[in-house]
Amino acid sequence: MKTVQPTLSTPIEIVSLAETKSHLRVTNASEDALISSYLLAAIDWAEGFCHRSFTGDTFTLTAPSFDFDLENPPITSIVSVEYKVYGSNSYTAITDTNYNLNTNSIKPCVEFIENYVFPRLALVNDAVRVVYVAGYDSDTLPQLVKIAILLKCSSFYDNRMEENKRFTTSAELLLMKYKIFSI
């Protein structure tokens, strides 16, 4: 079974507190902590809705074989690819000249060079481990995503209660272009 875990890193600020306060038409600092928490919740919601990483993070994927796709695009780089051989519990690194990051397929993946000889893997769920970086920086984040995050933050700030949602929201419509559906 494949698993993907983010590491605890400092996310890239894709929407600033100042931008959010301007959007909310808040001029004082008395609710900065509340607005910051709503902003983080709106970003988490957008990432979950789209199945993407907007703020940038490092992820560790483990899988029982070399047959996997990378989650939470856009993938910006691969840090390492490692494997456990049959009968061993320690990882062995694969030299980065033996693989490439393919971001042109429907789902980003690690492509191995044509003559790479795959080892006999251990029969465990974490036989392969890939560490990779995903996300946008503040300059490349699509403007529609930023607007959707601000709209969701407005909803949190203005309503301050659980939504009783019957229809698709404007934020969801804006994010639909970036949503990854299961294949």
N, C-alpha and C. Protein backbone atom coordinates (compact mmCIF):
# COMPACT_ATOMS: atom_id res chain seq x y z
N MET A 1 0.83 -1.17 0.00
CA MET A 1 0.00 0.00 0.00
C MET A 1 0.88 1.25 0.00
N LYS A 2 0.58 2.18 -0.90
CA LYS A 2 1.34 3.41 -1.01
C LYS A 2 0.87 4.40 0.06
N THR A 3 1.83 5.09 0.69
CA THR A 3 1.49 6.17 1.62
C THR A 3 2.31 7.41 1.27
N VAL A 4 1.73 8.57 1.53
CA VAL A 4 2.42 9.84 1.30
C VAL A 4 2.26 10.69 2.55
N GLN A 5 3.39 11.11 3.11
CA GLN A 5 3.38 11.92 4.34
C GLN A 5 4.16 13.21 4.10
N PRO A 6 3.57 14.36 4.46
CA PRO A 6 4.34 15.59 4.38
C PRO A 6 5.28 15.69 5.56
N THR A 7 6.40 16.36 5.36
CA THR A 7 7.29 16.64 6.47
C THR A 7 6.89 17.98 7.07
N LEU A 8 7.25 18.20 8.29
CA LEU A 8 6.93 19.48 8.91
C LEU A 8 7.94 20.51 8.44
N SER A 9 7.49 21.38 7.57
CA SER A 9 8.36 22.44 7.07
C SER A 9 7.60 23.75 7.11
N THR A 10 8.30 24.83 6.93
CA THR A 10 7.66 26.14 6.92
C THR A 10 7.04 26.35 5.55
N PRO A 11 5.71 26.49 5.49
CA PRO A 11 5.08 26.67 4.18
C PRO A 11 5.41 28.03 3.58
N ILE A 12 5.39 28.08 2.28
CA ILE A 12 5.60 29.33 1.56
C ILE A 12 4.36 30.19 1.74
N GLU A 13 4.55 31.47 2.00
CA GLU A 13 3.40 32.37 2.16
C GLU A 13 2.87 32.71 0.78
N ILE A 14 1.74 32.10 0.44
CA ILE A 14 1.15 32.34 -0.89
C ILE A 14 0.13 33.45 -0.87
N VAL A 15 -0.47 33.71 0.29
CA VAL A 15 -1.38 34.83 0.49
C VAL A 15 -0.98 35.46 1.82
N SER A 16 -0.68 36.72 1.80
CA SER A 16 -0.20 37.37 3.03
C SER A 16 -1.37 37.78 3.92
N LEU A 17 -1.06 38.00 5.18
CA LEU A 17 -2.06 38.51 6.12
C LEU A 17 -2.55 39.88 5.67
N ALA A 18 -1.65 40.71 5.16
CA ALA A 18 -2.03 42.04 4.70
C ALA A 18 -3.02 41.96 3.53
N GLU A 19 -2.77 41.04 2.58
CA GLU A 19 -3.70 40.86 1.45
C GLU A 19 -5.06 40.39 1.95
N THR A 20 -5.03 39.48 2.91
CA THR A 20 -6.28 38.93 3.45
C THR A 20 -7.07 40.01 4.19
N LYS A 21 -6.38 40.79 5.01
CA LYS A 21 -7.07 41.87 5.73
C LYS A 21 -7.63 42.90 4.76
N SER A 22 -6.91 43.20 3.70
CA SER A 22 -7.41 44.13 2.70
C SER A 22 -8.67 43.56 2.04
N HIS A 23 -8.65 42.28 1.71
CA HIS A 23 -9.81 41.62 1.11
C HIS A 23 -11.01 41.65 2.06
N LEU A 24 -10.76 41.46 3.34
CA LEU A 24 -11.83 41.45 4.34
C LEU A 24 -12.24 42.86 4.78
N ARG A 25 -11.49 43.86 4.33
CA ARG A 25 -11.71 45.27 4.71
C ARG A 25 -11.54 45.47 6.22
N VAL A 26 -10.50 44.83 6.75
CA VAL A 26 -10.16 44.97 8.17
C VAL A 26 -8.93 45.87 8.24
N THR A 27 -9.01 46.91 9.06
CA THR A 27 -7.90 47.87 9.13
C THR A 27 -7.13 47.83 10.44
N ASN A 28 -7.67 47.20 11.47
CA ASN A 28 -6.96 47.16 12.75
C ASN A 28 -6.31 45.80 12.95
N ALA A 29 -5.49 45.69 13.97
CA ALA A 29 -4.74 44.45 14.22
C ALA A 29 -5.38 43.58 15.29
N SER A 30 -6.53 43.94 15.78
CA SER A 30 -7.13 43.21 16.90
C SER A 30 -7.51 41.78 16.55
N GLU A 31 -7.76 41.48 15.28
CA GLU A 31 -8.17 40.12 14.90
C GLU A 31 -7.14 39.42 14.01
N ASP A 32 -5.90 39.88 14.05
CA ASP A 32 -4.86 39.28 13.21
C ASP A 32 -4.69 37.78 13.44
N ALA A 33 -4.70 37.36 14.69
CA ALA A 33 -4.52 35.94 14.99
C ALA A 33 -5.69 35.13 14.43
N LEU A 34 -6.91 35.63 14.58
CA LEU A 34 -8.09 34.93 14.07
C LEU A 34 -8.04 34.86 12.55
N ILE A 35 -7.73 35.97 11.91
CA ILE A 35 -7.67 36.01 10.45
C ILE A 35 -6.56 35.09 9.94
N SER A 36 -5.42 35.06 10.62
CA SER A 36 -4.32 34.15 10.23
C SER A 36 -4.77 32.70 10.30
N SER A 37 -5.52 32.35 11.34
CA SER A 37 -5.98 30.96 11.46
C SER A 37 -7.01 30.63 10.38
N TYR A 38 -7.89 31.59 10.06
CA TYR A 38 -8.83 31.37 8.96
C TYR A 38 -8.11 31.23 7.63
N LEU A 39 -7.05 32.02 7.44
CA LEU A 39 -6.27 31.93 6.21
C LEU A 39 -5.62 30.56 6.07
N LEU A 40 -5.02 30.06 7.14
CA LEU A 40 -4.42 28.72 7.10
C LEU A 40 -5.48 27.66 6.83
N ALA A 41 -6.66 27.79 7.43
CA ALA A 41 -7.74 26.84 7.21
C ALA A 41 -8.22 26.89 5.76
N ALA A 42 -8.30 28.09 5.19
CA ALA A 42 -8.73 28.24 3.80
C ALA A 42 -7.72 27.62 2.83
N ILE A 43 -6.44 27.79 3.13
CA ILE A 43 -5.39 27.18 2.29
C ILE A 43 -5.46 25.66 2.40
N ASP A 44 -5.59 25.14 3.62
CA ASP A 44 -5.72 23.67 3.81
C ASP A 44 -6.94 23.14 3.06
N TRP A 45 -8.05 23.88 3.14
CA TRP A 45 -9.27 23.47 2.44
C TRP A 45 -9.02 23.41 0.93
N ALA A 46 -8.38 24.44 0.38
CA ALA A 46 -8.13 24.50 -1.07
C ALA A 46 -7.20 23.36 -1.50
N GLU A 47 -6.16 23.10 -0.71
CA GLU A 47 -5.24 21.99 -1.04
C GLU A 47 -5.98 20.66 -1.01
N GLY A 48 -6.81 20.47 0.00
CA GLY A 48 -7.58 19.22 0.09
C GLY A 48 -8.60 19.09 -1.03
N PHE A 49 -9.26 20.17 -1.38
CA PHE A 49 -10.26 20.17 -2.44
C PHE A 49 -9.63 19.80 -3.78
N CYS A 50 -8.45 20.36 -4.03
CA CYS A 50 -7.78 20.17 -5.33
C CYS A 50 -6.83 18.97 -5.36
N HIS A 51 -6.49 18.42 -4.21
CA HIS A 51 -5.49 17.35 -4.12
C HIS A 51 -4.15 17.82 -4.67
N ARG A 52 -3.77 19.04 -4.28
CA ARG A 52 -2.53 19.66 -4.70
C ARG A 52 -1.83 20.27 -3.50
N SER A 53 -0.57 20.59 -3.68
CA SER A 53 0.17 21.35 -2.68
C SER A 53 0.33 22.75 -3.23
N PHE A 54 -0.29 23.72 -2.58
CA PHE A 54 -0.15 25.11 -3.02
C PHE A 54 0.98 25.82 -2.28
N THR A 55 1.21 25.46 -1.03
CA THR A 55 2.15 26.21 -0.20
C THR A 55 3.57 25.67 -0.24
N GLY A 56 3.79 24.57 -0.90
CA GLY A 56 5.13 24.00 -0.97
C GLY A 56 5.43 23.16 0.25
N ASP A 57 5.85 21.94 0.04
CA ASP A 57 6.18 21.05 1.14
C ASP A 57 7.04 19.93 0.59
N THR A 58 7.69 19.24 1.50
CA THR A 58 8.45 18.05 1.15
C THR A 58 7.62 16.84 1.57
N PHE A 59 7.48 15.88 0.68
CA PHE A 59 6.68 14.70 0.94
C PHE A 59 7.56 13.46 0.88
N THR A 60 7.18 12.46 1.67
CA THR A 60 7.84 11.15 1.62
C THR A 60 6.80 10.13 1.21
N LEU A 61 7.03 9.51 0.07
CA LEU A 61 6.16 8.47 -0.44
C LEU A 61 6.82 7.13 -0.17
N THR A 62 6.06 6.18 0.35
CA THR A 62 6.55 4.81 0.47
C THR A 62 5.60 3.90 -0.29
N ALA A 63 6.15 2.88 -0.92
CA ALA A 63 5.35 1.96 -1.73
C ALA A 63 6.01 0.58 -1.72
N PRO A 64 5.24 -0.46 -2.01
CA PRO A 64 5.80 -1.81 -2.03
C PRO A 64 6.58 -2.14 -3.31
N SER A 65 6.44 -1.27 -4.35
CA SER A 65 7.13 -1.53 -5.61
C SER A 65 7.47 -0.20 -6.28
N PHE A 66 8.08 -0.29 -7.45
CA PHE A 66 8.44 0.91 -8.20
C PHE A 66 7.27 1.43 -9.04
N ASP A 67 6.10 0.85 -8.90
CA ASP A 67 4.92 1.25 -9.66
C ASP A 67 4.09 2.22 -8.82
N PHE A 68 4.30 3.53 -9.01
CA PHE A 68 3.59 4.54 -8.23
C PHE A 68 3.59 5.86 -8.99
N ASP A 69 2.67 6.73 -8.62
CA ASP A 69 2.63 8.10 -9.11
C ASP A 69 2.89 9.02 -7.92
N LEU A 70 3.39 10.20 -8.20
CA LEU A 70 3.64 11.19 -7.15
C LEU A 70 2.38 12.04 -6.95
N GLU A 71 2.04 12.29 -5.70
CA GLU A 71 0.83 13.04 -5.38
C GLU A 71 1.16 14.48 -5.00
N ASN A 72 0.13 15.31 -4.95
CA ASN A 72 0.21 16.71 -4.55
C ASN A 72 1.01 17.58 -5.51
N PRO A 73 0.73 17.51 -6.81
CA PRO A 73 1.47 18.36 -7.74
C PRO A 73 1.20 19.84 -7.50
N PRO A 74 1.98 20.72 -8.07
CA PRO A 74 3.07 20.45 -8.99
C PRO A 74 4.32 19.97 -8.25
N ILE A 75 4.97 18.97 -8.79
CA ILE A 75 6.21 18.45 -8.22
C ILE A 75 7.35 19.29 -8.77
N THR A 76 8.16 19.83 -7.90
CA THR A 76 9.26 20.69 -8.36
C THR A 76 10.60 19.96 -8.42
N SER A 77 10.79 18.95 -7.54
CA SER A 77 12.06 18.22 -7.59
C SER A 77 11.95 16.92 -6.79
N ILE A 78 12.84 16.02 -7.13
CA ILE A 78 12.97 14.76 -6.37
C ILE A 78 14.24 14.88 -5.53
N VAL A 79 14.10 14.67 -4.24
CA VAL A 79 15.23 14.74 -3.33
C VAL A 79 15.99 13.43 -3.35
N SER A 80 15.26 12.31 -3.26
CA SER A 80 15.93 11.00 -3.26
C SER A 80 14.95 9.90 -3.61
N VAL A 81 15.50 8.83 -4.17
CA VAL A 81 14.76 7.59 -4.43
C VAL A 81 15.58 6.47 -3.81
N GLU A 82 14.97 5.70 -2.91
CA GLU A 82 15.67 4.64 -2.19
C GLU A 82 14.82 3.38 -2.20
N TYR A 83 15.47 2.27 -1.93
CA TYR A 83 14.75 0.99 -1.90
C TYR A 83 15.38 0.06 -0.87
N LYS A 84 14.61 -0.93 -0.45
CA LYS A 84 15.09 -2.01 0.40
C LYS A 84 15.16 -3.27 -0.45
N VAL A 85 16.31 -3.91 -0.44
CA VAL A 85 16.44 -5.16 -1.19
C VAL A 85 15.87 -6.31 -0.37
N TYR A 86 15.58 -7.38 -1.05
CA TYR A 86 15.03 -8.56 -0.40
C TYR A 86 16.00 -9.03 0.70
N GLY A 87 15.47 -9.21 1.90
CA GLY A 87 16.28 -9.67 3.03
C GLY A 87 16.96 -8.56 3.81
N SER A 88 16.68 -7.30 3.49
CA SER A 88 17.32 -6.19 4.20
C SER A 88 16.26 -5.23 4.74
N ASN A 89 16.63 -4.53 5.80
CA ASN A 89 15.74 -3.52 6.37
C ASN A 89 16.26 -2.10 6.15
N SER A 90 17.41 -1.95 5.51
CA SER A 90 17.97 -0.62 5.30
C SER A 90 17.78 -0.20 3.84
N TYR A 91 17.70 1.12 3.65
CA TYR A 91 17.49 1.66 2.31
C TYR A 91 18.80 1.87 1.58
N THR A 92 18.76 1.67 0.26
CA THR A 92 19.87 1.94 -0.63
C THR A 92 19.43 3.03 -1.60
N ALA A 93 20.21 4.06 -1.75
CA ALA A 93 19.86 5.18 -2.63
C ALA A 93 20.13 4.83 -4.09
N ILE A 94 19.28 5.33 -4.96
CA ILE A 94 19.47 5.21 -6.40
C ILE A 94 20.09 6.52 -6.88
N THR A 95 21.16 6.44 -7.63
CA THR A 95 21.82 7.63 -8.16
C THR A 95 20.85 8.41 -9.05
N ASP A 96 20.85 9.73 -8.91
CA ASP A 96 19.89 10.55 -9.65
C ASP A 96 20.09 10.53 -11.16
N THR A 97 21.19 9.97 -11.62
CA THR A 97 21.38 9.82 -13.07
C THR A 97 20.58 8.65 -13.62
N ASN A 98 19.98 7.84 -12.74
CA ASN A 98 19.21 6.68 -13.18
C ASN A 98 17.71 6.96 -13.30
N TYR A 99 17.28 8.18 -13.00
CA TYR A 99 15.85 8.50 -13.10
C TYR A 99 15.66 9.98 -13.41
N ASN A 100 14.46 10.29 -13.86
CA ASN A 100 14.06 11.67 -14.14
C ASN A 100 12.67 11.90 -13.58
N LEU A 101 12.35 13.14 -13.34
CA LEU A 101 11.01 13.53 -12.93
C LEU A 101 10.21 13.80 -14.19
N ASN A 102 9.11 13.08 -14.39
CA ASN A 102 8.24 13.31 -15.54
C ASN A 102 7.00 14.06 -15.05
N THR A 103 6.90 15.32 -15.41
CA THR A 103 5.74 16.13 -15.03
C THR A 103 4.79 16.31 -16.21
N ASN A 104 5.08 15.66 -17.34
CA ASN A 104 4.25 15.80 -18.53
C ASN A 104 3.13 14.78 -18.62
N SER A 105 3.15 13.76 -17.76
CA SER A 105 2.09 12.76 -17.78
C SER A 105 0.90 13.28 -16.99
N ILE A 106 -0.21 12.54 -17.03
CA ILE A 106 -1.41 12.96 -16.29
C ILE A 106 -1.08 13.10 -14.82
N LYS A 107 -0.35 12.14 -14.28
CA LYS A 107 0.12 12.24 -12.91
C LYS A 107 1.65 12.25 -12.94
N PRO A 108 2.28 13.15 -12.21
CA PRO A 108 3.75 13.18 -12.19
C PRO A 108 4.31 11.85 -11.69
N CYS A 109 5.45 11.45 -12.25
CA CYS A 109 6.03 10.17 -11.86
C CYS A 109 7.55 10.20 -12.01
N VAL A 110 8.16 9.20 -11.42
CA VAL A 110 9.60 8.99 -11.57
C VAL A 110 9.78 8.06 -12.75
N GLU A 111 10.55 8.48 -13.73
CA GLU A 111 10.85 7.64 -14.89
C GLU A 111 12.30 7.19 -14.78
N PHE A 112 12.50 5.90 -14.86
CA PHE A 112 13.84 5.34 -14.79
C PHE A 112 14.43 5.26 -16.19
N ILE A 113 15.75 5.40 -16.28
CA ILE A 113 16.39 5.34 -17.59
C ILE A 113 16.17 3.95 -18.19
N GLU A 114 16.29 3.89 -19.48
CA GLU A 114 15.92 2.69 -20.23
C GLU A 114 16.66 1.43 -19.77
N ASN A 115 17.94 1.52 -19.46
CA ASN A 115 18.71 0.33 -19.12
C ASN A 115 18.88 0.12 -17.61
N TYR A 116 18.06 0.80 -16.79
CA TYR A 116 18.16 0.62 -15.34
C TYR A 116 17.68 -0.78 -14.97
N VAL A 117 18.48 -1.47 -14.17
CA VAL A 117 18.14 -2.83 -13.72
C VAL A 117 17.52 -2.71 -12.33
N PHE A 118 16.25 -3.06 -12.23
CA PHE A 118 15.55 -2.97 -10.95
C PHE A 118 15.99 -4.09 -10.02
N PRO A 119 16.25 -3.75 -8.77
CA PRO A 119 16.64 -4.78 -7.80
C PRO A 119 15.43 -5.61 -7.36
N ARG A 120 15.70 -6.74 -6.75
CA ARG A 120 14.64 -7.55 -6.15
C ARG A 120 14.31 -6.90 -4.81
N LEU A 121 13.09 -6.40 -4.69
CA LEU A 121 12.71 -5.63 -3.52
C LEU A 121 12.28 -6.51 -2.35
N ALA A 122 12.42 -5.97 -1.15
CA ALA A 122 11.91 -6.63 0.04
C ALA A 122 10.39 -6.70 -0.07
N LEU A 123 9.79 -7.71 0.50
CA LEU A 123 8.34 -7.88 0.44
C LEU A 123 7.68 -7.16 1.61
N VAL A 124 7.79 -5.83 1.59
CA VAL A 124 7.22 -4.98 2.63
C VAL A 124 6.50 -3.80 1.96
N ASN A 125 5.61 -3.16 2.70
CA ASN A 125 4.84 -2.04 2.14
C ASN A 125 5.68 -0.80 1.89
N ASP A 126 6.84 -0.70 2.53
CA ASP A 126 7.71 0.47 2.34
C ASP A 126 9.03 0.11 1.68
N ALA A 127 8.98 -0.78 0.70
CA ALA A 127 10.20 -1.22 0.01
C ALA A 127 10.84 -0.09 -0.80
N VAL A 128 10.03 0.86 -1.25
CA VAL A 128 10.53 2.00 -2.02
C VAL A 128 10.16 3.27 -1.26
N ARG A 129 11.13 4.19 -1.18
CA ARG A 129 10.88 5.47 -0.52
C ARG A 129 11.37 6.59 -1.43
N VAL A 130 10.47 7.53 -1.69
CA VAL A 130 10.80 8.68 -2.54
C VAL A 130 10.51 9.95 -1.75
N VAL A 131 11.49 10.82 -1.67
CA VAL A 131 11.32 12.12 -1.03
C VAL A 131 11.31 13.15 -2.14
N TYR A 132 10.26 13.99 -2.16
CA TYR A 132 10.14 14.97 -3.23
C TYR A 132 9.53 16.26 -2.70
N VAL A 133 9.73 17.33 -3.48
CA VAL A 133 9.24 18.65 -3.12
C VAL A 133 8.12 19.01 -4.09
N ALA A 134 7.02 19.53 -3.53
CA ALA A 134 5.87 19.90 -4.34
C ALA A 134 5.36 21.27 -3.91
N GLY A 135 4.71 21.95 -4.83
CA GLY A 135 4.05 23.20 -4.48
C GLY A 135 4.45 24.35 -5.39
N TYR A 136 3.76 25.45 -5.20
CA TYR A 136 4.01 26.67 -5.94
C TYR A 136 4.83 27.62 -5.08
N ASP A 137 5.41 28.62 -5.69
CA ASP A 137 5.92 29.74 -4.91
C ASP A 137 4.95 30.89 -5.12
N SER A 138 5.11 31.96 -4.39
CA SER A 138 4.13 33.05 -4.44
C SER A 138 4.04 33.68 -5.83
N ASP A 139 5.08 33.55 -6.65
CA ASP A 139 5.07 34.14 -7.99
C ASP A 139 4.35 33.27 -9.02
N THR A 140 4.29 31.95 -8.79
CA THR A 140 3.70 31.06 -9.79
C THR A 140 2.32 30.55 -9.40
N LEU A 141 1.85 30.86 -8.20
CA LEU A 141 0.52 30.43 -7.79
C LEU A 141 -0.51 31.08 -8.71
N PRO A 142 -1.40 30.27 -9.31
CA PRO A 142 -2.42 30.86 -10.18
C PRO A 142 -3.30 31.86 -9.42
N GLN A 143 -3.62 32.96 -10.06
CA GLN A 143 -4.41 34.02 -9.43
C GLN A 143 -5.78 33.51 -9.01
N LEU A 144 -6.38 32.60 -9.79
CA LEU A 144 -7.70 32.06 -9.42
C LEU A 144 -7.65 31.29 -8.10
N VAL A 145 -6.53 30.62 -7.84
CA VAL A 145 -6.37 29.89 -6.58
C VAL A 145 -6.31 30.88 -5.43
N LYS A 146 -5.56 31.96 -5.61
CA LYS A 146 -5.46 32.98 -4.57
C LYS A 146 -6.82 33.59 -4.28
N ILE A 147 -7.58 33.88 -5.32
CA ILE A 147 -8.92 34.46 -5.13
C ILE A 147 -9.83 33.48 -4.40
N ALA A 148 -9.76 32.19 -4.78
CA ALA A 148 -10.58 31.18 -4.11
C ALA A 148 -10.24 31.08 -2.63
N ILE A 149 -8.96 31.15 -2.30
CA ILE A 149 -8.53 31.11 -0.90
C ILE A 149 -9.06 32.33 -0.15
N LEU A 150 -9.00 33.48 -0.76
CA LEU A 150 -9.53 34.70 -0.12
C LEU A 150 -11.04 34.62 0.06
N LEU A 151 -11.75 34.06 -0.92
CA LEU A 151 -13.20 33.90 -0.79
C LEU A 151 -13.55 32.96 0.35
N LYS A 152 -12.81 31.85 0.44
CA LYS A 152 -13.08 30.90 1.53
C LYS A 152 -12.77 31.54 2.87
N CYS A 153 -11.69 32.29 2.94
CA CYS A 153 -11.34 33.00 4.17
C CYS A 153 -12.45 33.99 4.54
N SER A 154 -13.02 34.67 3.55
CA SER A 154 -14.15 35.58 3.79
C SER A 154 -15.34 34.83 4.37
N SER A 155 -15.60 33.66 3.82
CA SER A 155 -16.71 32.85 4.32
C SER A 155 -16.50 32.48 5.79
N PHE A 156 -15.28 32.05 6.12
CA PHE A 156 -14.97 31.73 7.52
C PHE A 156 -15.14 32.96 8.41
N TYR A 157 -14.64 34.08 7.95
CA TYR A 157 -14.63 35.31 8.77
C TYR A 157 -16.05 35.87 8.94
N ASP A 158 -16.80 35.91 7.86
CA ASP A 158 -18.13 36.52 7.90
C ASP A 158 -19.17 35.64 8.58
N ASN A 159 -19.11 34.34 8.37
CA ASN A 159 -20.15 33.45 8.89
C ASN A 159 -19.89 32.99 10.31
N ARG A 160 -18.67 32.63 10.62
CA ARG A 160 -18.26 32.17 11.94
C ARG A 160 -19.16 31.07 12.49
N MET A 161 -19.65 30.24 11.60
CA MET A 161 -20.41 29.06 11.98
C MET A 161 -20.30 28.06 10.85
N GLU A 162 -20.72 26.86 11.11
CA GLU A 162 -20.67 25.79 10.10
C GLU A 162 -21.58 26.16 8.94
N GLU A 163 -21.08 25.96 7.73
CA GLU A 163 -21.88 26.26 6.55
C GLU A 163 -22.91 25.16 6.32
N ASN A 164 -24.09 25.56 5.89
CA ASN A 164 -25.09 24.62 5.43
C ASN A 164 -25.15 24.78 3.92
N LYS A 165 -24.29 24.05 3.25
CA LYS A 165 -24.04 24.26 1.83
C LYS A 165 -24.91 23.34 0.98
N ARG A 166 -25.68 23.95 0.08
CA ARG A 166 -26.50 23.16 -0.84
C ARG A 166 -26.00 23.27 -2.27
N PHE A 167 -25.24 24.32 -2.55
CA PHE A 167 -24.80 24.58 -3.91
C PHE A 167 -23.28 24.72 -3.95
N THR A 168 -22.74 24.60 -5.14
CA THR A 168 -21.31 24.80 -5.32
C THR A 168 -20.98 26.26 -5.05
N THR A 169 -19.92 26.50 -4.28
CA THR A 169 -19.54 27.86 -3.94
C THR A 169 -18.67 28.47 -5.03
N SER A 170 -18.53 29.77 -5.00
CA SER A 170 -17.66 30.47 -5.96
C SER A 170 -16.22 30.00 -5.83
N ALA A 171 -15.77 29.76 -4.60
CA ALA A 171 -14.40 29.28 -4.39
C ALA A 171 -14.21 27.93 -5.05
N GLU A 172 -15.18 27.05 -4.92
CA GLU A 172 -15.07 25.72 -5.55
C GLU A 172 -15.06 25.84 -7.07
N LEU A 173 -15.88 26.71 -7.62
CA LEU A 173 -15.91 26.91 -9.07
C LEU A 173 -14.57 27.41 -9.59
N LEU A 174 -13.96 28.35 -8.85
CA LEU A 174 -12.65 28.86 -9.27
C LEU A 174 -11.57 27.79 -9.22
N LEU A 175 -11.66 26.88 -8.23
CA LEU A 175 -10.65 25.85 -8.07
C LEU A 175 -10.87 24.64 -8.98
N MET A 176 -12.05 24.51 -9.58
CA MET A 176 -12.37 23.32 -10.37
C MET A 176 -11.33 23.07 -11.47
N LYS A 177 -10.79 24.12 -12.04
CA LYS A 177 -9.77 23.99 -13.10
C LYS A 177 -8.50 23.32 -12.59
N TYR A 178 -8.23 23.43 -11.28
CA TYR A 178 -6.99 22.90 -10.69
C TYR A 178 -7.21 21.62 -9.91
N LYS A 179 -8.45 21.17 -9.83
CA LYS A 179 -8.77 19.96 -9.06
C LYS A 179 -8.30 18.72 -9.79
N ILE A 180 -7.69 17.81 -9.05
CA ILE A 180 -7.27 16.53 -9.61
C ILE A 180 -8.32 15.50 -9.21
N PHE A 181 -8.94 14.91 -10.21
CA PHE A 181 -9.93 13.88 -9.98
C PHE A 181 -9.25 12.53 -10.05
N SER A 182 -9.78 11.54 -9.38
CA SER A 182 -9.20 10.20 -9.42
C SER A 182 -9.28 9.65 -10.83
N ILE A 183 -8.24 8.94 -11.19
CA ILE A 183 -8.18 8.37 -12.55
C ILE A 183 -8.44 6.89 -12.47
